[in-house]
PDB file of all heavy atoms in Angstrom:
ATOM      1  N   TYR A   1      25.888  83.047-148.321  1.00  0.00           N
ATOM      2  CA  TYR A   1      25.046  81.856-148.346  1.00  0.00           C
ATOM      3  C   TYR A   1      24.877  81.329-146.930  1.00  0.00           C
ATOM      4  O   TYR A   1      25.783  81.422-146.112  1.00  0.00           O
ATOM      5  CB  TYR A   1      25.659  80.782-149.241  1.00  0.00           C
ATOM      6  CG  TYR A   1      25.698  81.187-150.693  1.00  0.00           C
ATOM      7  CD1 TYR A   1      26.843  81.738-151.249  1.00  0.00           C
ATOM      8  CD2 TYR A   1      24.577  81.044-151.501  1.00  0.00           C
ATOM      9  CE1 TYR A   1      26.876  82.116-152.583  1.00  0.00           C
ATOM     10  CE2 TYR A   1      24.599  81.425-152.822  1.00  0.00           C
ATOM     11  CZ  TYR A   1      25.755  81.968-153.362  1.00  0.00           C
ATOM     12  OH  TYR A   1      25.773  82.349-154.673  1.00  0.00           O
ATOM     13  N   ASN A   2      23.713  80.755-146.648  1.00  0.00           N
ATOM     14  CA  ASN A   2      23.424  80.232-145.315  1.00  0.00           C
ATOM     15  C   ASN A   2      23.047  78.761-145.454  1.00  0.00           C
ATOM     16  O   ASN A   2      21.907  78.419-145.753  1.00  0.00           O
ATOM     17  CB  ASN A   2      22.288  81.029-144.676  1.00  0.00           C
ATOM     18  CG  ASN A   2      22.026  80.603-143.254  1.00  0.00           C
ATOM     19  OD1 ASN A   2      22.105  79.436-142.914  1.00  0.00           O
ATOM     20  ND2 ASN A   2      21.689  81.568-142.405  1.00  0.00           N
ATOM     21  N   ASP A   3      24.018  77.904-145.231  1.00  0.00           N
ATOM     22  CA  ASP A   3      23.805  76.472-145.413  1.00  0.00           C
ATOM     23  C   ASP A   3      22.851  75.896-144.373  1.00  0.00           C
ATOM     24  O   ASP A   3      22.033  75.034-144.685  1.00  0.00           O
ATOM     25  CB  ASP A   3      25.135  75.726-145.396  1.00  0.00           C
ATOM     26  CG  ASP A   3      25.003  74.318-145.953  1.00  0.00           C
ATOM     27  OD1 ASP A   3      24.337  74.148-147.000  1.00  0.00           O
ATOM     28  OD2 ASP A   3      25.545  73.381-145.334  1.00  0.00           O
ATOM     29  N   SER A   4      22.933  76.374-143.138  1.00  0.00           N
ATOM     30  CA  SER A   4      22.039  75.822-142.111  1.00  0.00           C
ATOM     31  C   SER A   4      20.583  76.193-142.392  1.00  0.00           C
ATOM     32  O   SER A   4      19.684  75.373-142.185  1.00  0.00           O
ATOM     33  CB  SER A   4      22.460  76.278-140.709  1.00  0.00           C
ATOM     34  OG  SER A   4      22.374  77.677-140.586  1.00  0.00           O
ATOM     35  N   ALA A   5      20.321  77.399-142.898  1.00  0.00           N
ATOM     36  CA  ALA A   5      18.949  77.776-143.266  1.00  0.00           C
ATOM     37  C   ALA A   5      18.472  76.948-144.458  1.00  0.00           C
ATOM     38  O   ALA A   5      17.304  76.564-144.527  1.00  0.00           O
ATOM     39  CB  ALA A   5      18.863  79.265-143.586  1.00  0.00           C
ATOM     40  N   ALA A   6      19.374  76.647-145.382  1.00  0.00           N
ATOM     41  CA  ALA A   6      19.009  75.809-146.533  1.00  0.00           C
ATOM     42  C   ALA A   6      18.657  74.396-146.067  1.00  0.00           C
ATOM     43  O   ALA A   6      17.663  73.817-146.521  1.00  0.00           O
ATOM     44  CB  ALA A   6      20.152  75.765-147.540  1.00  0.00           C
ATOM     45  N   ARG A   7      19.444  73.842-145.143  1.00  0.00           N
ATOM     46  CA  ARG A   7      19.146  72.498-144.614  1.00  0.00           C
ATOM     47  C   ARG A   7      17.814  72.488-143.868  1.00  0.00           C
ATOM     48  O   ARG A   7      17.015  71.559-144.021  1.00  0.00           O
ATOM     49  CB  ARG A   7      20.280  72.009-143.713  1.00  0.00           C
ATOM     50  CG  ARG A   7      21.504  71.537-144.468  1.00  0.00           C
ATOM     51  CD  ARG A   7      22.485  70.789-143.572  1.00  0.00           C
ATOM     52  NE  ARG A   7      22.861  71.516-142.367  1.00  0.00           N
ATOM     53  CZ  ARG A   7      23.846  72.407-142.293  1.00  0.00           C
ATOM     54  NH1 ARG A   7      24.564  72.672-143.361  1.00  0.00           N
ATOM     55  NH2 ARG A   7      24.124  73.010-141.163  1.00  0.00           N
ATOM     56  N   ALA A   8      17.556  73.519-143.072  1.00  0.00           N
ATOM     57  CA  ALA A   8      16.292  73.593-142.331  1.00  0.00           C
ATOM     58  C   ALA A   8      15.112  73.714-143.289  1.00  0.00           C
ATOM     59  O   ALA A   8      14.076  73.060-143.102  1.00  0.00           O
ATOM     60  CB  ALA A   8      16.317  74.774-141.356  1.00  0.00           C
ATOM     61  N   TRP A   9      15.264  74.529-144.323  1.00  0.00           N
ATOM     62  CA  TRP A   9      14.196  74.691-145.314  1.00  0.00           C
ATOM     63  C   TRP A   9      13.919  73.356-146.010  1.00  0.00           C
ATOM     64  O   TRP A   9      12.771  72.961-146.170  1.00  0.00           O
ATOM     65  CB  TRP A   9      14.582  75.756-146.331  1.00  0.00           C
ATOM     66  CG  TRP A   9      13.487  76.139-147.264  1.00  0.00           C
ATOM     67  CD1 TRP A   9      12.595  77.165-147.123  1.00  0.00           C
ATOM     68  CD2 TRP A   9      13.160  75.513-148.516  1.00  0.00           C
ATOM     69  NE1 TRP A   9      11.736  77.209-148.202  1.00  0.00           N
ATOM     70  CE2 TRP A   9      12.061  76.200-149.064  1.00  0.00           C
ATOM     71  CE3 TRP A   9      13.682  74.434-149.213  1.00  0.00           C
ATOM     72  CZ2 TRP A   9      11.489  75.835-150.279  1.00  0.00           C
ATOM     73  CZ3 TRP A   9      13.099  74.067-150.411  1.00  0.00           C
ATOM     74  CH2 TRP A   9      12.016  74.768-150.942  1.00  0.00           C
ATOM     75  N   ALA A  10      14.981  72.659-146.414  1.00  0.00           N
ATOM     76  CA  ALA A  10      14.824  71.363-147.083  1.00  0.00           C
ATOM     77  C   ALA A  10      14.157  70.355-146.151  1.00  0.00           C
ATOM     78  O   ALA A  10      13.279  69.590-146.577  1.00  0.00           O
ATOM     79  CB  ALA A  10      16.176  70.839-147.555  1.00  0.00           C
ATOM     80  N   SER A  11      14.530  70.367-144.895  1.00  0.00           N
ATOM     81  CA  SER A  11      13.936  69.439-143.929  1.00  0.00           C
ATOM     82  C   SER A  11      12.444  69.709-143.734  1.00  0.00           C
ATOM     83  O   SER A  11      11.654  68.776-143.631  1.00  0.00           O
ATOM     84  CB  SER A  11      14.673  69.571-142.593  1.00  0.00           C
ATOM     85  OG  SER A  11      14.093  68.744-141.628  1.00  0.00           O
ATOM     86  N   ASP A  12      12.063  70.980-143.729  1.00  0.00           N
ATOM     87  CA  ASP A  12      10.654  71.350-143.522  1.00  0.00           C
ATOM     88  C   ASP A  12       9.808  71.208-144.783  1.00  0.00           C
ATOM     89  O   ASP A  12       8.630  70.881-144.705  1.00  0.00           O
ATOM     90  CB  ASP A  12      10.539  72.801-143.045  1.00  0.00           C
ATOM     91  CG  ASP A  12      11.043  72.991-141.637  1.00  0.00           C
ATOM     92  OD1 ASP A  12      11.200  71.991-140.913  1.00  0.00           O
ATOM     93  OD2 ASP A  12      11.298  74.149-141.261  1.00  0.00           O
ATOM     94  N   ARG A  13      10.393  71.466-145.936  1.00  0.00           N
ATOM     95  CA  ARG A  13       9.600  71.580-147.160  1.00  0.00           C
ATOM     96  C   ARG A  13       9.664  70.386-148.096  1.00  0.00           C
ATOM     97  O   ARG A  13       8.841  70.269-148.991  1.00  0.00           O
ATOM     98  CB  ARG A  13      10.041  72.820-147.951  1.00  0.00           C
ATOM     99  CG  ARG A  13       9.922  74.115-147.189  1.00  0.00           C
ATOM    100  CD  ARG A  13       8.505  74.653-147.285  1.00  0.00           C
ATOM    101  NE  ARG A  13       8.330  75.854-146.529  1.00  0.00           N
ATOM    102  CZ  ARG A  13       8.359  77.075-147.024  1.00  0.00           C
ATOM    103  NH1 ARG A  13       8.577  77.254-148.302  1.00  0.00           N
ATOM    104  NH2 ARG A  13       8.181  78.116-146.246  1.00  0.00           N
ATOM    105  N   CYS A  14      10.659  69.547-147.966  1.00  0.00           N
ATOM    106  CA  CYS A  14      10.773  68.401-148.873  1.00  0.00           C
ATOM    107  C   CYS A  14      10.058  67.208-148.248  1.00  0.00           C
ATOM    108  O   CYS A  14      10.395  66.798-147.142  1.00  0.00           O
ATOM    109  CB  CYS A  14      12.232  68.057-149.127  1.00  0.00           C
ATOM    110  SG  CYS A  14      13.064  69.288-150.146  1.00  0.00           S
ATOM    111  N   PRO A  15       9.090  66.652-148.945  1.00  0.00           N
ATOM    112  CA  PRO A  15       8.319  65.536-148.375  1.00  0.00           C
ATOM    113  C   PRO A  15       9.180  64.297-148.197  1.00  0.00           C
ATOM    114  O   PRO A  15      10.146  64.077-148.910  1.00  0.00           O
ATOM    115  CB  PRO A  15       7.216  65.301-149.411  1.00  0.00           C
ATOM    116  CG  PRO A  15       7.689  65.941-150.663  1.00  0.00           C
ATOM    117  CD  PRO A  15       8.656  67.015-150.280  1.00  0.00           C
ATOM    118  N   ARG A  16       8.800  63.509-147.230  1.00  0.00           N
ATOM    119  CA  ARG A  16       9.506  62.271-146.937  1.00  0.00           C
ATOM    120  C   ARG A  16       8.522  61.107-147.038  1.00  0.00           C
ATOM    121  O   ARG A  16       7.320  61.291-147.023  1.00  0.00           O
ATOM    122  CB  ARG A  16      10.074  62.325-145.527  1.00  0.00           C
ATOM    123  CG  ARG A  16      10.936  63.547-145.277  1.00  0.00           C
ATOM    124  CD  ARG A  16      12.192  63.172-144.557  1.00  0.00           C
ATOM    125  NE  ARG A  16      13.015  64.281-144.153  1.00  0.00           N
ATOM    126  CZ  ARG A  16      13.685  65.075-144.970  1.00  0.00           C
ATOM    127  NH1 ARG A  16      13.590  64.935-146.239  1.00  0.00           N
ATOM    128  NH2 ARG A  16      14.449  66.024-144.521  1.00  0.00           N
ATOM    129  N   GLY A  17       9.043  59.924-147.123  1.00  0.00           N
ATOM    130  CA  GLY A  17       8.192  58.739-147.115  1.00  0.00           C
ATOM    131  C   GLY A  17       7.988  58.161-148.500  1.00  0.00           C
ATOM    132  O   GLY A  17       8.392  58.734-149.509  1.00  0.00           O
ATOM    133  N   PRO A  18       7.331  57.014-148.572  1.00  0.00           N
ATOM    134  CA  PRO A  18       7.220  56.264-149.828  1.00  0.00           C
ATOM    135  C   PRO A  18       6.260  56.888-150.847  1.00  0.00           C
ATOM    136  O   PRO A  18       6.371  56.596-152.025  1.00  0.00           O
ATOM    137  CB  PRO A  18       6.721  54.894-149.381  1.00  0.00           C
ATOM    138  CG  PRO A  18       6.004  55.160-148.108  1.00  0.00           C
ATOM    139  CD  PRO A  18       6.734  56.304-147.456  1.00  0.00           C
ATOM    140  N   ASN A  19       5.336  57.736-150.440  1.00  0.00           N
ATOM    141  CA  ASN A  19       4.340  58.258-151.370  1.00  0.00           C
ATOM    142  C   ASN A  19       4.660  59.657-151.893  1.00  0.00           C
ATOM    143  O   ASN A  19       3.797  60.320-152.451  1.00  0.00           O
ATOM    144  CB  ASN A  19       2.959  58.281-150.688  1.00  0.00           C
ATOM    145  CG  ASN A  19       2.493  56.891-150.382  1.00  0.00           C
ATOM    146  OD1 ASN A  19       2.756  55.961-151.142  1.00  0.00           O
ATOM    147  ND2 ASN A  19       1.820  56.725-149.263  1.00  0.00           N
ATOM    148  N   ARG A  20       5.876  60.084-151.732  1.00  0.00           N
ATOM    149  CA  ARG A  20       6.222  61.422-152.220  1.00  0.00           C
ATOM    150  C   ARG A  20       6.305  61.429-153.740  1.00  0.00           C
ATOM    151  O   ARG A  20       6.600  60.412-154.371  1.00  0.00           O
ATOM    152  CB  ARG A  20       7.514  61.912-151.586  1.00  0.00           C
ATOM    153  CG  ARG A  20       8.736  61.134-151.996  1.00  0.00           C
ATOM    154  CD  ARG A  20       9.977  61.741-151.340  1.00  0.00           C
ATOM    155  NE  ARG A  20      11.150  61.020-151.740  1.00  0.00           N
ATOM    156  CZ  ARG A  20      11.844  60.234-150.935  1.00  0.00           C
ATOM    157  NH1 ARG A  20      11.493  60.104-149.688  1.00  0.00           N
ATOM    158  NH2 ARG A  20      12.897  59.599-151.393  1.00  0.00           N
ATOM    159  N   GLN A  21       6.053  62.575-154.303  1.00  0.00           N
ATOM    160  CA  GLN A  21       6.008  62.696-155.761  1.00  0.00           C
ATOM    161  C   GLN A  21       7.408  62.785-156.376  1.00  0.00           C
ATOM    162  O   GLN A  21       7.640  62.293-157.468  1.00  0.00           O
ATOM    163  CB  GLN A  21       5.204  63.938-156.134  1.00  0.00           C
ATOM    164  CG  GLN A  21       5.000  64.105-157.619  1.00  0.00           C
ATOM    165  CD  GLN A  21       4.090  65.282-157.921  1.00  0.00           C
ATOM    166  OE1 GLN A  21       3.625  65.966-157.034  1.00  0.00           O
ATOM    167  NE2 GLN A  21       3.848  65.520-159.185  1.00  0.00           N
ATOM    168  N   PHE A  22       8.336  63.440-155.658  1.00  0.00           N
ATOM    169  CA  PHE A  22       9.686  63.624-156.183  1.00  0.00           C
ATOM    170  C   PHE A  22      10.690  62.929-155.280  1.00  0.00           C
ATOM    171  O   PHE A  22      10.340  62.431-154.212  1.00  0.00           O
ATOM    172  CB  PHE A  22      10.013  65.113-156.289  1.00  0.00           C
ATOM    173  CG  PHE A  22       9.059  65.867-157.174  1.00  0.00           C
ATOM    174  CD1 PHE A  22       8.227  66.840-156.655  1.00  0.00           C
ATOM    175  CD2 PHE A  22       8.978  65.594-158.527  1.00  0.00           C
ATOM    176  CE1 PHE A  22       7.345  67.532-157.466  1.00  0.00           C
ATOM    177  CE2 PHE A  22       8.099  66.273-159.349  1.00  0.00           C
ATOM    178  CZ  PHE A  22       7.273  67.248-158.812  1.00  0.00           C
ATOM    179  N   GLY A  23      11.935  62.944-155.701  1.00  0.00           N
ATOM    180  CA  GLY A  23      12.988  62.260-154.955  1.00  0.00           C
ATOM    181  C   GLY A  23      13.531  63.068-153.792  1.00  0.00           C
ATOM    182  O   GLY A  23      12.906  64.007-153.301  1.00  0.00           O
ATOM    183  N   ASP A  24      14.725  62.688-153.405  1.00  0.00           N
ATOM    184  CA  ASP A  24      15.377  63.288-152.247  1.00  0.00           C
ATOM    185  C   ASP A  24      15.739  64.748-152.491  1.00  0.00           C
ATOM    186  O   ASP A  24      15.942  65.178-153.630  1.00  0.00           O
ATOM    187  CB  ASP A  24      16.662  62.521-151.913  1.00  0.00           C
ATOM    188  CG  ASP A  24      16.384  61.125-151.411  1.00  0.00           C
ATOM    189  OD1 ASP A  24      15.307  60.922-150.820  1.00  0.00           O
ATOM    190  OD2 ASP A  24      17.236  60.245-151.624  1.00  0.00           O
ATOM    191  N   CYS A  25      15.863  65.482-151.386  1.00  0.00           N
ATOM    192  CA  CYS A  25      16.375  66.856-151.416  1.00  0.00           C
ATOM    193  C   CYS A  25      17.768  66.856-150.818  1.00  0.00           C
ATOM    194  O   CYS A  25      18.105  66.009-149.992  1.00  0.00           O
ATOM    195  CB  CYS A  25      15.492  67.782-150.586  1.00  0.00           C
ATOM    196  SG  CYS A  25      13.980  68.260-151.402  1.00  0.00           S
ATOM    197  N   ASP A  26      18.538  67.815-151.237  1.00  0.00           N
ATOM    198  CA  ASP A  26      19.891  67.974-150.724  1.00  0.00           C
ATOM    199  C   ASP A  26      20.172  69.463-150.613  1.00  0.00           C
ATOM    200  O   ASP A  26      19.881  70.224-151.543  1.00  0.00           O
ATOM    201  CB  ASP A  26      20.882  67.305-151.687  1.00  0.00           C
ATOM    202  CG  ASP A  26      22.272  67.165-151.099  1.00  0.00           C
ATOM    203  OD1 ASP A  26      22.456  67.402-149.889  1.00  0.00           O
ATOM    204  OD2 ASP A  26      23.192  66.818-151.860  1.00  0.00           O
ATOM    205  N   ALA A  27      20.694  69.895-149.485  1.00  0.00           N
ATOM    206  CA  ALA A  27      21.094  71.294-149.297  1.00  0.00           C
ATOM    207  C   ALA A  27      22.614  71.350-149.340  1.00  0.00           C
ATOM    208  O   ALA A  27      23.286  70.686-148.547  1.00  0.00           O
ATOM    209  CB  ALA A  27      20.578  71.828-147.974  1.00  0.00           C
ATOM    210  N   ARG A  28      23.126  72.115-150.295  1.00  0.00           N
ATOM    211  CA  ARG A  28      24.578  72.216-150.480  1.00  0.00           C
ATOM    212  C   ARG A  28      24.990  73.671-150.577  1.00  0.00           C
ATOM    213  O   ARG A  28      24.544  74.378-151.473  1.00  0.00           O
ATOM    214  CB  ARG A  28      25.001  71.545-151.780  1.00  0.00           C
ATOM    215  CG  ARG A  28      24.855  70.073-151.765  1.00  0.00           C
ATOM    216  CD  ARG A  28      25.240  69.537-153.108  1.00  0.00           C
ATOM    217  NE  ARG A  28      25.180  68.097-153.046  1.00  0.00           N
ATOM    218  CZ  ARG A  28      26.061  67.322-153.632  1.00  0.00           C
ATOM    219  NH1 ARG A  28      27.036  67.834-154.339  1.00  0.00           N
ATOM    220  NH2 ARG A  28      25.939  66.024-153.542  1.00  0.00           N
ATOM    221  N   ARG A  29      25.816  74.071-149.630  1.00  0.00           N
ATOM    222  CA  ARG A  29      26.407  75.411-149.685  1.00  0.00           C
ATOM    223  C   ARG A  29      25.350  76.494-149.923  1.00  0.00           C
ATOM    224  O   ARG A  29      25.538  77.407-150.688  1.00  0.00           O
ATOM    225  CB  ARG A  29      27.504  75.443-150.744  1.00  0.00           C
ATOM    226  CG  ARG A  29      28.618  74.474-150.406  1.00  0.00           C
ATOM    227  CD  ARG A  29      29.754  74.325-151.395  1.00  0.00           C
ATOM    228  NE  ARG A  29      29.889  75.318-152.411  1.00  0.00           N
ATOM    229  CZ  ARG A  29      29.750  75.064-153.717  1.00  0.00           C
ATOM    230  NH1 ARG A  29      29.431  73.860-154.137  1.00  0.00           N
ATOM    231  NH2 ARG A  29      29.934  76.017-154.596  1.00  0.00           N
ATOM    232  N   GLY A  30      24.205  76.357-149.251  1.00  0.00           N
ATOM    233  CA  GLY A  30      23.160  77.368-149.321  1.00  0.00           C
ATOM    234  C   GLY A  30      22.140  77.173-150.421  1.00  0.00           C
ATOM    235  O   GLY A  30      21.200  77.949-150.533  1.00  0.00           O
ATOM    236  N   VAL A  31      22.293  76.139-151.237  1.00  0.00           N
ATOM    237  CA  VAL A  31      21.377  75.883-152.351  1.00  0.00           C
ATOM    238  C   VAL A  31      20.661  74.559-152.103  1.00  0.00           C
ATOM    239  O   VAL A  31      21.299  73.547-151.807  1.00  0.00           O
ATOM    240  CB  VAL A  31      22.145  75.840-153.696  1.00  0.00           C
ATOM    241  CG1 VAL A  31      21.202  75.557-154.852  1.00  0.00           C
ATOM    242  CG2 VAL A  31      22.908  77.135-153.919  1.00  0.00           C
ATOM    243  N   VAL A  32      19.331  74.572-152.229  1.00  0.00           N
ATOM    244  CA  VAL A  32      18.535  73.358-152.042  1.00  0.00           C
ATOM    245  C   VAL A  32      18.173  72.804-153.413  1.00  0.00           C
ATOM    246  O   VAL A  32      17.617  73.519-154.259  1.00  0.00           O
ATOM    247  CB  VAL A  32      17.243  73.639-151.245  1.00  0.00           C
ATOM    248  CG1 VAL A  32      16.437  72.355-151.062  1.00  0.00           C
ATOM    249  CG2 VAL A  32      17.560  74.278-149.902  1.00  0.00           C
TER     250      VAL A  32
END
């Protein structure tokens, strides 16, 4: 598992801000 790649993917792909459709993302032990 690659936790740093999971965190980078979550940072790039999970929308931020008040108008996002879904909630927060979390990368844990390689799983987003």
